[in-house]
């Protein structure tokens, strides 16, 4: 990932926008929700999100 996308100040909130393709119900199905949650946890611990 390019360095221009790194956050500098971790003390303030940041916003994430998502695009949904074909209106897949990503947050209502447990299997999709778990993938998103695990991906965000990885980005928090490994990439400093």
C-alpha atoms as a PDB file:
ATOM      1  CA  UNK A   1       0.000   0.000   0.000  1.00  0.00           C
ATOM      2  CA  UNK A   2       1.261   3.456  -0.816  1.00  0.00           C
ATOM      3  CA  UNK A   3       2.474   5.654   2.017  1.00  0.00           C
ATOM      4  CA  UNK A   4       0.052   8.429   1.036  1.00  0.00           C
ATOM      5  CA  UNK A   5      -2.750   6.354   2.586  1.00  0.00           C
ATOM      6  CA  UNK A   6      -1.201   6.071   6.052  1.00  0.00           C
ATOM      7  CA  UNK A   7      -2.773   7.873   8.959  1.00  0.00           C
ATOM      8  CA  UNK A   8      -0.565  10.256  10.866  1.00  0.00           C
ATOM      9  CA  UNK A   9      -2.524  11.010  14.008  1.00  0.00           C
ATOM     10  CA  UNK A  10      -4.060   8.001  15.749  1.00  0.00           C
ATOM     11  CA  UNK A  11      -5.727  10.101  18.463  1.00  0.00           C
ATOM     12  CA  UNK A  12      -8.516  11.361  16.192  1.00  0.00           C
ATOM     13  CA  UNK A  13     -11.258   9.320  14.481  1.00  0.00           C
ATOM     14  CA  UNK A  14     -10.963   8.318  10.834  1.00  0.00           C
ATOM     15  CA  UNK A  15     -13.669   7.384   8.369  1.00  0.00           C
ATOM     16  CA  UNK A  16     -13.856   4.398   6.051  1.00  0.00           C
ATOM     17  CA  UNK A  17     -16.098   4.316   2.997  1.00  0.00           C
ATOM     18  CA  UNK A  18     -17.206   1.110   1.339  1.00  0.00           C
ATOM     19  CA  UNK A  19     -18.650   0.258  -2.042  1.00  0.00           C
ATOM     20  CA  UNK A  20     -21.134  -2.604  -2.188  1.00  0.00           C
ATOM     21  CA  UNK A  21     -21.318  -4.567  -5.436  1.00  0.00           C
ATOM     22  CA  UNK A  22     -24.727  -5.933  -6.415  1.00  0.00           C
ATOM     23  CA  UNK A  23     -26.002  -5.022  -2.936  1.00  0.00           C
ATOM     24  CA  UNK A  24     -24.593  -8.140  -1.300  1.00  0.00           C
ATOM     25  CA  UNK A  25     -25.752  -8.243   2.307  1.00  0.00           C
ATOM     26  CA  UNK A  26     -22.269  -8.159   3.811  1.00  0.00           C
ATOM     27  CA  UNK A  27     -23.313  -7.213   7.332  1.00  0.00           C
ATOM     28  CA  UNK A  28     -26.322  -9.477   7.698  1.00  0.00           C
ATOM     29  CA  UNK A  29     -24.581 -12.739   6.795  1.00  0.00           C
ATOM     30  CA  UNK A  30     -22.240 -13.995   9.488  1.00  0.00           C
ATOM     31  CA  UNK A  31     -19.639 -15.379   7.058  1.00  0.00           C
ATOM     32  CA  UNK A  32     -19.214 -12.028   5.280  1.00  0.00           C
ATOM     33  CA  UNK A  33     -19.271 -10.025   8.491  1.00  0.00           C
ATOM     34  CA  UNK A  34     -16.534 -12.182  10.012  1.00  0.00           C
ATOM     35  CA  UNK A  35     -14.255 -11.631   6.996  1.00  0.00           C
ATOM     36  CA  UNK A  36     -14.656  -7.868   7.284  1.00  0.00           C
ATOM     37  CA  UNK A  37     -14.078  -7.856  11.046  1.00  0.00           C
ATOM     38  CA  UNK A  38     -10.963 -10.028  10.781  1.00  0.00           C
ATOM     39  CA  UNK A  39      -9.588  -7.876   7.949  1.00  0.00           C
ATOM     40  CA  UNK A  40     -10.086  -4.706   9.989  1.00  0.00           C
ATOM     41  CA  UNK A  41      -8.452  -6.305  13.042  1.00  0.00           C
ATOM     42  CA  UNK A  42      -5.456  -7.269  10.889  1.00  0.00           C
ATOM     43  CA  UNK A  43      -5.133  -3.734   9.539  1.00  0.00           C
ATOM     44  CA  UNK A  44      -5.316  -2.324  13.065  1.00  0.00           C
ATOM     45  CA  UNK A  45      -2.637  -4.603  14.512  1.00  0.00           C
ATOM     46  CA  UNK A  46      -0.313  -5.001  11.525  1.00  0.00           C
ATOM     47  CA  UNK A  47      -0.677  -1.771   9.570  1.00  0.00           C
ATOM     48  CA  UNK A  48      -1.469   0.784  12.257  1.00  0.00           C
ATOM     49  CA  UNK A  49      -4.974   1.604  11.047  1.00  0.00           C
END
